[in-house]
Structures are given as C-alpha cells and as structure tokens.
Amino acid sequence: MIATLINGHAGGGIDSADRGLQYGDGLFETIACRDGAPRWLALHLERLQQGCERLRIAFRDVDLLRAEIRGLAAGQQRCIVKVIVTRGTATRRGYAPAGDEQPTRIVSRHDWPQPPGRADAGFQLGFSSVTLGTNPLLAGLKHLNRLEQVLAQMQCDAAGLDEVLMLSSAGQVIGGSMSNVFFADDSGLFTPELSECGVAGIMRRLVLQAAGRHGSGVCVRLVEPSELATVREAFLTNVRWGLQSVRVLQGRTLPSDAYAQQLRGLIDAAHA
C-alpha cells in the first residue's frame, strides 16, 4: 500500500512549477526496509547530501527526512521507501534557478515487488541498444533524469529478460538499467568505473568494501563488451536484489556464482 508524505504532510500534490517536474532538477533514493527499519540509511542519506552539494540544492532537512523514512518503514515486515528531493518550486521561468527556491522532499512507501513469473528459469541478462550519455558532472549521481533507463526497461520487458546492460556512448559497459554489475574471469573480480556516467549504487559500495576487507579486492576499470564472452560469473547489485547472480548472459549460461555467494555472506555478516 502506497503512503506518501510531501514536505512532511500526508497526501497533497506537487506544484506544477516544481523544478523536479519541469526539469528533472533533483535526486532520489530507493531504500529497502526490513522488519520495520530502513537498511543502510546512513549511506543513502550521505549519497543524497553529496548529490545535493554537487547540484547546489540547498537541502538542510536531513533530520526531518530521516525521521519520515523511519516512520514510514515502522511496522512493515518488508517494503520500499522512495525519497525524492527537488530544488523546489521555481520562482522564475527558465533553466537557471534563482537561488531562493525551497527544496521539496517527497517520501513514499511501496509494497515489496514480487519476483517475475519467469524466475524459475534463472536470471537472464542481455544488452540494451539504448546508450548512456557521458557527463562527468552528473556521473555517479542518482538524479531524476532517467529517460535512458525508461527506454532500456521497455526493451527489457519486450525481450523477456530480467535486466539489460547499458553501454556508454563511447561503447564501454556501465551497468544494468537499474543496477550495477560485477564480472569474474581468470584475472579475478572486476566492475565498470563510473567517472563518465552511471549511478554509484549503495550495494556496489558495500561489495567493494566487503571484497577489500576480505583481501580479494575488485578491479574498477573500463569494461569492453567483447570481454563478456569469456567471463565465468556475473552478478548485479541494487538494494532490492542485493547481489543477484546472473544465470544466462546474452544467451550463454554462466558456470559459477562463487564470488556472489561469498560476498553475500560477508555483507550479511557485517550488517546483520
């Protein structure tokens, strides 16, 4: 059941002049909640604050936001809480903000999504023909401009896949349409670097930390699509899936999910 707070008030609406609606001028977080509590809340709020600083959104109501997230999660066995922070209602026309806008915060609770009906066949991953535009100023941010991912998800559904990989306009593998991606081959575990585009996910961060503590480490680097023909393992990360092992990559069955199993255990043990 959806429940929504807008600037702390239940129900209501968004001003049609809000810059989040007009220009996608804002950020969002998707927070997994279990047993009445949001998971990794400090990391989500840290990323949100860093994003606001980079976009120069003067958002200061972090304590209020934290309380609202916890309030919506309370009493729920499992749910998703989504947070949106926009620059606020425009005080003049045009792309350039005036500087006196008051940020809008939207917090909504959603039922935990059901797995797809084809889940028994194993998780299937393919490529999208939709590319991600490169822009270092926005790279890593979970900003509201998601039309590339919308188009990619439409392709994903039409192809009967569980997720699709997206390339940058320069041709490198970046990640899934709603996930980060890790691969393993004879050289070890590696993941795309995100200095030009893509979202630096919370679960991606946890995997990098866990692998570093364990001593195996992850190589963060440019990844060419041709390399995937020889990987033996792939897994995707987001806060809803955790670490999702890929069974079939571009029609090829992968033989292993050893890294994913090991890292799941390390992360669960560290954040029990």
Protein backbone atom coordinates (compact mmCIF):
# COMPACT_ATOMS: atom_id res chain seq x y z
CA MET A 1 0.00 0.00 0.00
CA ILE A 2 1.39 3.38 -1.01
CA ALA A 3 1.70 6.09 1.64
CA THR A 4 3.19 9.47 0.75
CA LEU A 5 4.50 12.48 2.63
CA ILE A 6 5.19 15.75 0.81
CA ASN A 7 7.24 18.13 2.91
CA GLY A 8 6.04 16.20 5.93
CA HIS A 9 2.33 16.31 5.10
CA ALA A 10 0.27 13.29 4.07
CA GLY A 11 -1.35 13.45 0.66
CA GLY A 12 -1.48 16.74 -1.20
CA GLY A 13 0.13 17.48 -4.53
CA ILE A 14 3.18 18.94 -6.20
CA ASP A 15 3.23 22.47 -7.54
CA SER A 16 3.24 22.36 -11.35
CA ALA A 17 6.17 24.80 -11.26
CA ASP A 18 8.33 22.46 -9.18
CA ARG A 19 11.72 22.18 -10.86
CA GLY A 20 11.76 18.43 -10.33
CA LEU A 21 8.70 18.18 -12.57
CA GLN A 22 9.77 20.89 -15.00
CA TYR A 23 13.42 19.90 -15.48
CA GLY A 24 14.18 16.74 -13.50
CA ASP A 25 16.11 19.05 -11.16
CA GLY A 26 16.57 16.76 -8.18
CA LEU A 27 17.70 13.43 -6.79
CA PHE A 28 16.17 10.26 -5.44
CA GLU A 29 16.97 7.28 -3.23
CA THR A 30 15.32 3.86 -3.16
CA ILE A 31 15.62 2.34 0.32
CA ALA A 32 15.00 -1.30 1.20
CA CYS A 33 13.26 -1.76 4.56
CA ARG A 34 13.10 -4.94 6.59
CA ASP A 35 11.49 -5.68 9.96
CA GLY A 36 10.36 -2.09 10.38
CA ALA A 37 13.75 -0.47 9.70
CA PRO A 38 15.42 1.09 6.62
CA ARG A 39 18.62 -0.69 5.64
CA TRP A 40 21.85 1.27 5.08
CA LEU A 41 20.04 4.53 5.80
CA ALA A 42 23.22 6.43 6.69
CA LEU A 43 24.75 5.55 3.31
CA HIS A 44 21.61 6.65 1.44
CA LEU A 45 21.49 9.99 3.27
CA GLU A 46 25.21 10.52 2.73
CA ARG A 47 24.84 9.97 -1.02
CA LEU A 48 21.78 12.24 -1.13
CA GLN A 49 23.61 15.04 0.67
CA GLN A 50 26.64 14.69 -1.60
CA GLY A 51 24.34 14.86 -4.63
CA CYS A 52 22.66 17.99 -3.30
CA GLU A 53 26.06 19.60 -2.80
CA ARG A 54 27.12 18.77 -6.35
CA LEU A 55 23.87 20.13 -7.81
CA ARG A 56 23.90 23.07 -5.37
CA ILE A 57 20.48 22.22 -3.94
CA ALA A 58 20.20 23.84 -0.51
CA PHE A 59 18.63 20.87 1.26
CA ARG A 60 19.07 21.00 5.04
CA ASP A 61 16.14 18.99 6.42
CA VAL A 62 18.13 15.76 6.76
CA ASP A 63 16.96 15.08 10.31
CA LEU A 64 13.31 15.53 9.32
CA LEU A 65 13.82 13.31 6.29
CA ARG A 66 15.47 10.60 8.40
CA ALA A 67 12.52 10.60 10.81
CA GLU A 68 10.00 10.43 7.96
CA ILE A 69 11.77 7.46 6.36
CA ARG A 70 11.86 5.61 9.66
CA GLY A 71 8.22 6.45 10.32
CA LEU A 72 7.05 5.02 7.00
CA ALA A 73 9.17 1.90 7.48
CA ALA A 74 7.95 1.26 11.04
CA GLY A 75 5.71 -1.77 11.42
CA GLN A 76 6.40 -3.06 7.90
CA GLN A 77 7.88 -6.51 7.50
CA ARG A 78 9.30 -5.63 4.10
CA CYS A 79 8.78 -2.58 1.92
CA ILE A 80 10.47 0.02 -0.26
CA VAL A 81 10.70 3.67 0.80
CA LYS A 82 11.48 6.09 -2.02
CA VAL A 83 12.84 9.57 -1.36
CA ILE A 84 12.79 12.42 -3.86
CA VAL A 85 14.39 15.79 -3.19
CA THR A 86 13.93 18.52 -5.79
CA ARG A 87 15.27 22.05 -5.91
CA GLY A 88 11.70 23.15 -5.22
CA THR A 89 9.11 25.37 -6.86
CA ALA A 90 10.61 27.70 -9.45
CA THR A 91 10.49 31.39 -8.57
CA ARG A 92 11.21 32.45 -12.14
CA ARG A 93 10.99 30.90 -15.60
CA GLY A 94 13.95 29.29 -17.33
CA TYR A 95 16.57 26.64 -16.67
CA ALA A 96 18.70 28.75 -14.33
CA PRO A 97 17.48 28.68 -10.73
CA ALA A 98 17.01 32.00 -8.96
CA GLY A 99 18.70 30.71 -5.81
CA ASP A 100 15.80 31.34 -3.44
CA GLU A 101 13.91 28.09 -4.13
CA GLN A 102 12.87 25.97 -1.15
CA PRO A 103 13.60 22.26 -1.70
CA THR A 104 10.71 19.82 -1.95
CA ARG A 105 11.01 16.43 -0.23
CA ILE A 106 8.75 13.52 -1.10
CA VAL A 107 8.84 10.27 0.86
CA SER A 108 6.67 7.34 -0.22
CA ARG A 109 6.26 3.75 0.94
CA HIS A 110 5.64 0.92 -1.54
CA ASP A 111 4.94 -2.79 -1.26
CA TRP A 112 7.92 -5.07 -1.84
CA PRO A 113 7.90 -6.04 -5.55
CA GLN A 114 7.05 -9.60 -6.45
CA PRO A 115 9.65 -11.60 -8.42
CA PRO A 116 8.94 -12.06 -12.13
CA GLY A 117 6.98 -15.15 -13.15
CA ARG A 118 9.96 -16.45 -15.15
CA ALA A 119 12.24 -16.51 -12.08
CA ASP A 120 12.44 -20.34 -12.09
CA ALA A 121 14.31 -20.24 -15.40
CA GLY A 122 17.22 -18.39 -13.80
CA PHE A 123 18.12 -14.71 -14.05
CA GLN A 124 18.69 -13.65 -17.65
CA LEU A 125 20.74 -10.64 -18.68
CA GLY A 126 21.16 -9.18 -22.16
CA PHE A 127 22.25 -5.93 -23.80
CA SER A 128 20.19 -2.84 -24.46
CA SER A 129 20.65 -0.80 -27.61
CA VAL A 130 19.95 2.34 -25.55
CA THR A 131 23.21 4.07 -24.64
CA LEU A 132 24.03 6.31 -21.70
CA GLY A 133 25.21 9.82 -22.47
CA THR A 134 28.52 10.70 -20.82
CA ASN A 135 28.74 13.66 -18.45
CA PRO A 136 31.31 13.67 -15.63
CA LEU A 137 29.36 16.42 -13.81
CA LEU A 138 26.44 14.03 -13.31
CA ALA A 139 28.29 10.71 -13.18
CA GLY A 140 27.54 8.66 -10.08
CA LEU A 141 24.50 10.71 -9.07
CA LYS A 142 21.04 9.23 -8.70
CA HIS A 143 19.43 12.24 -10.35
CA LEU A 144 15.87 12.42 -11.65
CA ASN A 145 16.75 12.32 -15.37
CA ARG A 146 16.05 8.64 -16.12
CA LEU A 147 14.66 8.57 -19.67
CA GLU A 148 17.53 6.41 -20.91
CA GLN A 149 16.64 3.81 -18.27
CA VAL A 150 12.93 4.07 -19.10
CA LEU A 151 13.65 3.21 -22.74
CA ALA A 152 16.02 0.41 -21.72
CA GLN A 153 13.44 -1.12 -19.38
CA MET A 154 10.86 -1.10 -22.18
CA GLN A 155 13.31 -3.09 -24.31
CA CYS A 156 13.99 -5.42 -21.40
CA ASP A 157 10.31 -6.25 -20.97
CA ALA A 158 9.81 -6.72 -24.71
CA ALA A 159 12.76 -9.15 -24.87
CA GLY A 160 11.56 -11.20 -21.87
CA LEU A 161 14.79 -10.51 -19.95
CA ASP A 162 15.21 -9.79 -16.25
CA GLU A 163 17.65 -6.91 -16.79
CA VAL A 164 19.66 -5.29 -19.59
CA LEU A 165 23.20 -3.97 -19.63
CA MET A 166 23.74 -0.44 -20.90
CA LEU A 167 26.81 0.90 -22.68
CA SER A 168 28.11 4.44 -22.62
CA SER A 169 28.00 6.44 -25.83
CA ALA A 170 31.74 5.65 -26.03
CA GLY A 171 30.94 1.93 -26.09
CA GLN A 172 32.00 0.77 -22.61
CA VAL A 173 29.83 -1.38 -20.31
CA ILE A 174 28.44 0.77 -17.49
CA GLY A 175 25.82 -1.33 -15.70
CA GLY A 176 22.25 -2.51 -15.76
CA SER A 177 19.29 -0.24 -16.36
CA MET A 178 18.58 -0.33 -12.61
CA SER A 179 21.68 -2.00 -11.21
CA ASN A 180 25.44 -2.10 -11.03
CA VAL A 181 27.29 -5.08 -12.44
CA PHE A 182 30.29 -7.20 -11.45
CA PHE A 183 32.10 -9.81 -13.55
CA ALA A 184 34.66 -12.51 -12.83
CA ASP A 185 37.19 -14.13 -15.17
CA ASP A 186 40.62 -15.69 -14.74
CA SER A 187 42.00 -12.33 -13.60
CA GLY A 188 39.52 -12.03 -10.74
CA LEU A 189 36.54 -9.78 -10.00
CA PHE A 190 36.03 -6.50 -11.86
CA THR A 191 33.35 -3.82 -12.29
CA PRO A 192 32.94 -0.81 -14.60
CA GLU A 193 34.29 2.53 -13.48
CA LEU A 194 31.70 5.31 -13.39
CA SER A 195 33.59 8.55 -13.88
CA GLU A 196 31.71 9.42 -17.10
CA CYS A 197 28.17 8.13 -16.42
CA GLY A 198 26.15 5.65 -14.40
CA VAL A 199 24.96 5.51 -10.80
CA ALA A 200 27.28 4.64 -7.92
CA GLY A 201 24.92 2.30 -6.07
CA ILE A 202 24.80 1.63 -2.34
CA MET A 203 25.15 -2.14 -2.83
CA ARG A 204 28.05 -1.55 -5.22
CA ARG A 205 29.79 0.36 -2.43
CA LEU A 206 29.11 -2.44 0.06
CA VAL A 207 30.51 -5.06 -2.35
CA LEU A 208 33.68 -3.03 -2.92
CA GLN A 209 34.15 -2.64 0.84
CA ALA A 210 33.46 -6.31 1.59
CA ALA A 211 35.83 -7.52 -1.13
CA GLY A 212 38.52 -5.15 0.13
CA ARG A 213 38.17 -6.40 3.71
CA HIS A 214 38.35 -9.99 2.51
CA GLY A 215 41.57 -9.30 0.66
CA SER A 216 40.39 -10.28 -2.82
CA GLY A 217 39.52 -6.78 -3.96
CA VAL A 218 37.70 -5.65 -7.09
CA CYS A 219 39.35 -4.06 -10.11
CA VAL A 220 37.39 -0.93 -11.06
CA ARG A 221 38.13 -0.19 -14.71
CA LEU A 222 36.81 0.36 -18.20
CA VAL A 223 35.00 -2.75 -19.44
CA GLU A 224 34.63 -3.57 -23.13
CA PRO A 225 31.56 -5.58 -24.29
CA SER A 226 33.83 -8.12 -26.01
CA GLU A 227 35.28 -9.15 -22.64
CA LEU A 228 31.97 -10.62 -21.53
CA ALA A 229 32.33 -13.55 -23.93
CA THR A 230 34.85 -15.13 -21.54
CA VAL A 231 33.56 -14.22 -18.07
CA ARG A 232 32.57 -17.17 -15.90
CA GLU A 233 30.42 -15.22 -13.45
CA ALA A 234 28.31 -12.07 -13.38
CA PHE A 235 26.14 -10.56 -10.71
CA LEU A 236 24.07 -7.43 -10.40
CA THR A 237 23.57 -5.24 -7.35
CA ASN A 238 20.87 -2.93 -6.09
CA VAL A 239 19.21 -2.57 -2.68
CA ARG A 240 16.17 -4.63 -3.69
CA TRP A 241 18.06 -7.55 -5.25
CA GLY A 242 21.12 -7.42 -3.03
CA LEU A 243 23.59 -9.50 -5.06
CA GLN A 244 21.69 -11.09 -7.93
CA SER A 245 23.58 -13.88 -9.67
CA VAL A 246 23.18 -13.99 -13.44
CA ARG A 247 22.37 -17.42 -14.83
CA VAL A 248 22.30 -16.51 -18.54
CA LEU A 249 24.35 -13.67 -20.06
CA GLN A 250 23.48 -12.77 -23.63
CA GLY A 251 22.27 -16.33 -24.26
CA ARG A 252 25.30 -18.01 -22.63
CA THR A 253 24.89 -19.99 -19.42
CA LEU A 254 27.45 -18.96 -16.79
CA PRO A 255 29.06 -21.76 -14.80
CA SER A 256 29.72 -20.04 -11.46
CA ASP A 257 28.31 -17.75 -8.79
CA ALA A 258 31.09 -18.30 -6.25
CA TYR A 259 32.00 -14.63 -5.76
CA ALA A 260 28.36 -13.63 -5.29
CA GLN A 261 27.79 -16.31 -2.67
CA GLN A 262 30.92 -15.37 -0.75
CA LEU A 263 30.21 -11.63 -0.82
CA ARG A 264 26.57 -12.07 0.20
CA GLY A 265 27.77 -13.85 3.31
CA LEU A 266 30.34 -11.16 4.11
CA ILE A 267 27.85 -8.32 3.69
CA ASP A 268 25.12 -10.08 5.67
CA ALA A 269 27.55 -10.81 8.48
CA ALA A 270 28.75 -7.19 8.60
CA HIS A 271 25.24 -5.70 8.52
CA ALA A 272 23.20 -8.26 10.46
